[in-house]
Amino acid sequence: MVKGYVALDKPNQLEALRGEFVKMKKEKGDPIFIGYHQIRNSKRLFDFSNSVEVIQDLFTAHDFIEDDNVKYVFPIPMTIDGELPSTKNIRQKPFYTVDKECPGVWIKIF
């Protein structure tokens, strides 16, 4: 159950992003398309689908989105500059980066 991701005894860092998420989502209907750019702490390989699933579970648990099924959301890789994959950039630009000092994820709603 995704509601289990909300720990009431710990600071809720995701909640601080609610206002920005609401602004990005404004006037966009369902489904929303969320671009993700992963910033990893190492060159270790990862599964993109698993990495966004936990984030989308958190968005659902915190009521940012109603559910993370295809009626409401589609995850898409993007560059750090917010570009979606296209025939011009698909193998020319990185769709994830490595930064040992500042790992995380950039998101953008399209």
C-alpha atoms as a PDB file:
ATOM      1  CA  MET A   1       0.000   0.000   0.000  1.00  0.00           C
ATOM      2  CA  VAL A   2       1.499   3.305  -1.048  1.00  0.00           C
ATOM      3  CA  LYS A   3       0.104   5.154   1.961  1.00  0.00           C
ATOM      4  CA  GLY A   4       2.800   3.353   3.942  1.00  0.00           C
ATOM      5  CA  TYR A   5       5.397   5.662   2.371  1.00  0.00           C
ATOM      6  CA  VAL A   6       4.111   8.535   4.501  1.00  0.00           C
ATOM      7  CA  ALA A   7       5.935   8.399   7.844  1.00  0.00           C
ATOM      8  CA  LEU A   8       4.289  10.765  10.307  1.00  0.00           C
ATOM      9  CA  ASP A   9       7.279  10.660  12.665  1.00  0.00           C
ATOM     10  CA  LYS A  10       9.776  12.008  10.060  1.00  0.00           C
ATOM     11  CA  PRO A  11      10.093  15.357   8.252  1.00  0.00           C
ATOM     12  CA  ASN A  12       8.137  15.327   5.016  1.00  0.00           C
ATOM     13  CA  GLN A  13      10.490  16.757   2.402  1.00  0.00           C
ATOM     14  CA  LEU A  14       8.137  15.920  -0.456  1.00  0.00           C
ATOM     15  CA  GLU A  15       5.411  18.091   1.039  1.00  0.00           C
ATOM     16  CA  ALA A  16       7.626  21.151   0.530  1.00  0.00           C
ATOM     17  CA  LEU A  17       7.321  20.571  -3.228  1.00  0.00           C
ATOM     18  CA  ARG A  18       3.501  20.595  -3.313  1.00  0.00           C
ATOM     19  CA  GLY A  19       3.162  24.222  -4.424  1.00  0.00           C
ATOM     20  CA  GLU A  20       5.602  23.826  -7.315  1.00  0.00           C
ATOM     21  CA  PHE A  21       3.937  20.568  -8.385  1.00  0.00           C
ATOM     22  CA  VAL A  22       0.496  22.208  -8.354  1.00  0.00           C
ATOM     23  CA  LYS A  23       1.833  25.090 -10.500  1.00  0.00           C
ATOM     24  CA  MET A  24       3.340  22.686 -13.034  1.00  0.00           C
ATOM     25  CA  LYS A  25       0.114  20.649 -13.176  1.00  0.00           C
ATOM     26  CA  LYS A  26      -2.203  23.663 -13.498  1.00  0.00           C
ATOM     27  CA  GLU A  27      -4.494  23.618 -16.521  1.00  0.00           C
ATOM     28  CA  LYS A  28      -3.191  20.244 -17.687  1.00  0.00           C
ATOM     29  CA  GLY A  29      -5.735  17.476 -17.959  1.00  0.00           C
ATOM     30  CA  ASP A  30      -5.283  13.811 -17.311  1.00  0.00           C
ATOM     31  CA  PRO A  31      -3.167  12.023 -18.073  1.00  0.00           C
ATOM     32  CA  ILE A  32      -0.190  14.180 -17.174  1.00  0.00           C
ATOM     33  CA  PHE A  33       3.203  13.406 -18.660  1.00  0.00           C
ATOM     34  CA  ILE A  34       6.000  13.676 -16.096  1.00  0.00           C
ATOM     35  CA  GLY A  35       9.565  14.056 -17.325  1.00  0.00           C
ATOM     36  CA  TYR A  36      12.237  12.586 -15.074  1.00  0.00           C
ATOM     37  CA  HIS A  37      15.969  13.252 -15.130  1.00  0.00           C
ATOM     38  CA  GLN A  38      17.755  11.031 -12.630  1.00  0.00           C
ATOM     39  CA  ILE A  39      20.958  12.332 -11.062  1.00  0.00           C
ATOM     40  CA  ARG A  40      22.725   9.261  -9.728  1.00  0.00           C
ATOM     41  CA  ASN A  41      25.471   9.071  -7.093  1.00  0.00           C
ATOM     42  CA  SER A  42      27.436   6.522  -9.136  1.00  0.00           C
ATOM     43  CA  LYS A  43      27.693   4.995 -12.608  1.00  0.00           C
ATOM     44  CA  ARG A  44      25.917   1.901 -11.305  1.00  0.00           C
ATOM     45  CA  LEU A  45      23.203   0.822 -13.748  1.00  0.00           C
ATOM     46  CA  PHE A  46      19.550   1.171 -12.750  1.00  0.00           C
ATOM     47  CA  ASP A  47      16.081   0.399 -14.082  1.00  0.00           C
ATOM     48  CA  PHE A  48      14.360   3.608 -15.155  1.00  0.00           C
ATOM     49  CA  SER A  49      10.903   2.128 -14.593  1.00  0.00           C
ATOM     50  CA  ASN A  50      11.717   1.116 -10.999  1.00  0.00           C
ATOM     51  CA  SER A  51      13.279   4.490 -10.235  1.00  0.00           C
ATOM     52  CA  VAL A  52      10.189   6.425 -11.298  1.00  0.00           C
ATOM     53  CA  GLU A  53       7.740   3.939  -9.788  1.00  0.00           C
ATOM     54  CA  VAL A  54       8.814   4.761  -6.245  1.00  0.00           C
ATOM     55  CA  ILE A  55       8.499   8.500  -6.977  1.00  0.00           C
ATOM     56  CA  GLN A  56       5.049   8.042  -8.465  1.00  0.00           C
ATOM     57  CA  ASP A  57       4.053   5.927  -5.467  1.00  0.00           C
ATOM     58  CA  LEU A  58       5.116   8.841  -3.263  1.00  0.00           C
ATOM     59  CA  PHE A  59       3.120  11.293  -5.408  1.00  0.00           C
ATOM     60  CA  THR A  60       0.086   9.035  -4.956  1.00  0.00           C
ATOM     61  CA  ALA A  61       0.645   8.589  -1.206  1.00  0.00           C
ATOM     62  CA  HIS A  62       0.865  12.366  -0.766  1.00  0.00           C
ATOM     63  CA  ASP A  63      -2.181  13.006  -2.989  1.00  0.00           C
ATOM     64  CA  PHE A  64      -0.191  14.890  -5.639  1.00  0.00           C
ATOM     65  CA  ILE A  65      -1.811  12.570  -8.200  1.00  0.00           C
ATOM     66  CA  GLU A  66      -4.929  10.468  -7.862  1.00  0.00           C
ATOM     67  CA  ASP A  67      -3.180   7.267  -8.942  1.00  0.00           C
ATOM     68  CA  ASP A  68      -0.085   6.316 -10.911  1.00  0.00           C
ATOM     69  CA  ASN A  69      -1.904   4.279 -13.536  1.00  0.00           C
ATOM     70  CA  VAL A  70      -2.065   5.313 -17.202  1.00  0.00           C
ATOM     71  CA  LYS A  71      -5.380   7.117 -16.732  1.00  0.00           C
ATOM     72  CA  TYR A  72      -3.506   9.751 -14.714  1.00  0.00           C
ATOM     73  CA  VAL A  73       0.215   9.701 -15.515  1.00  0.00           C
ATOM     74  CA  PHE A  74       2.910   8.654 -17.993  1.00  0.00           C
ATOM     75  CA  PRO A  75       6.612   8.829 -16.988  1.00  0.00           C
ATOM     76  CA  ILE A  76       9.076  10.037 -19.630  1.00  0.00           C
ATOM     77  CA  PRO A  77      12.868  10.340 -19.485  1.00  0.00           C
ATOM     78  CA  MET A  78      14.182  13.841 -20.163  1.00  0.00           C
ATOM     79  CA  THR A  79      17.497  15.646 -20.319  1.00  0.00           C
ATOM     80  CA  ILE A  80      18.603  17.785 -17.400  1.00  0.00           C
ATOM     81  CA  ASP A  81      17.472  20.778 -19.494  1.00  0.00           C
ATOM     82  CA  GLY A  82      13.952  19.383 -19.733  1.00  0.00           C
ATOM     83  CA  GLU A  83      14.139  18.098 -23.308  1.00  0.00           C
ATOM     84  CA  LEU A  84      12.127  15.037 -24.187  1.00  0.00           C
ATOM     85  CA  PRO A  85      13.594  12.316 -26.382  1.00  0.00           C
ATOM     86  CA  SER A  86      13.376  13.075 -30.108  1.00  0.00           C
ATOM     87  CA  THR A  87      14.956  11.750 -33.263  1.00  0.00           C
ATOM     88  CA  LYS A  88      17.477  14.609 -33.033  1.00  0.00           C
ATOM     89  CA  ASN A  89      18.693  14.002 -29.457  1.00  0.00           C
ATOM     90  CA  ILE A  90      17.889  10.373 -28.606  1.00  0.00           C
ATOM     91  CA  ARG A  91      21.513   9.221 -28.483  1.00  0.00           C
ATOM     92  CA  GLN A  92      23.174  12.616 -28.470  1.00  0.00           C
ATOM     93  CA  LYS A  93      22.173  13.870 -25.018  1.00  0.00           C
ATOM     94  CA  PRO A  94      22.212  12.132 -21.635  1.00  0.00           C
ATOM     95  CA  PHE A  95      18.873  11.184 -20.110  1.00  0.00           C
ATOM     96  CA  TYR A  96      20.468  10.691 -16.688  1.00  0.00           C
ATOM     97  CA  THR A  97      23.631  12.093 -15.121  1.00  0.00           C
ATOM     98  CA  VAL A  98      26.046  11.198 -12.329  1.00  0.00           C
ATOM     99  CA  ASP A  99      26.887  13.586  -9.487  1.00  0.00           C
ATOM    100  CA  LYS A 100      28.289  11.982  -6.339  1.00  0.00           C
ATOM    101  CA  GLU A 101      27.795  15.177  -4.330  1.00  0.00           C
ATOM    102  CA  CYS A 102      24.224  16.002  -5.297  1.00  0.00           C
ATOM    103  CA  PRO A 103      22.121  12.998  -6.423  1.00  0.00           C
ATOM    104  CA  GLY A 104      18.394  13.379  -6.905  1.00  0.00           C
ATOM    105  CA  VAL A 105      15.819  13.777  -9.636  1.00  0.00           C
ATOM    106  CA  TRP A 106      14.511  16.677 -11.707  1.00  0.00           C
ATOM    107  CA  ILE A 107      10.857  16.502 -12.686  1.00  0.00           C
ATOM    108  CA  LYS A 108       8.779  18.494 -15.142  1.00  0.00           C
ATOM    109  CA  ILE A 109       5.133  18.103 -16.066  1.00  0.00           C
ATOM    110  CA  PHE A 110       4.377  18.307 -19.762  1.00  0.00           C
END
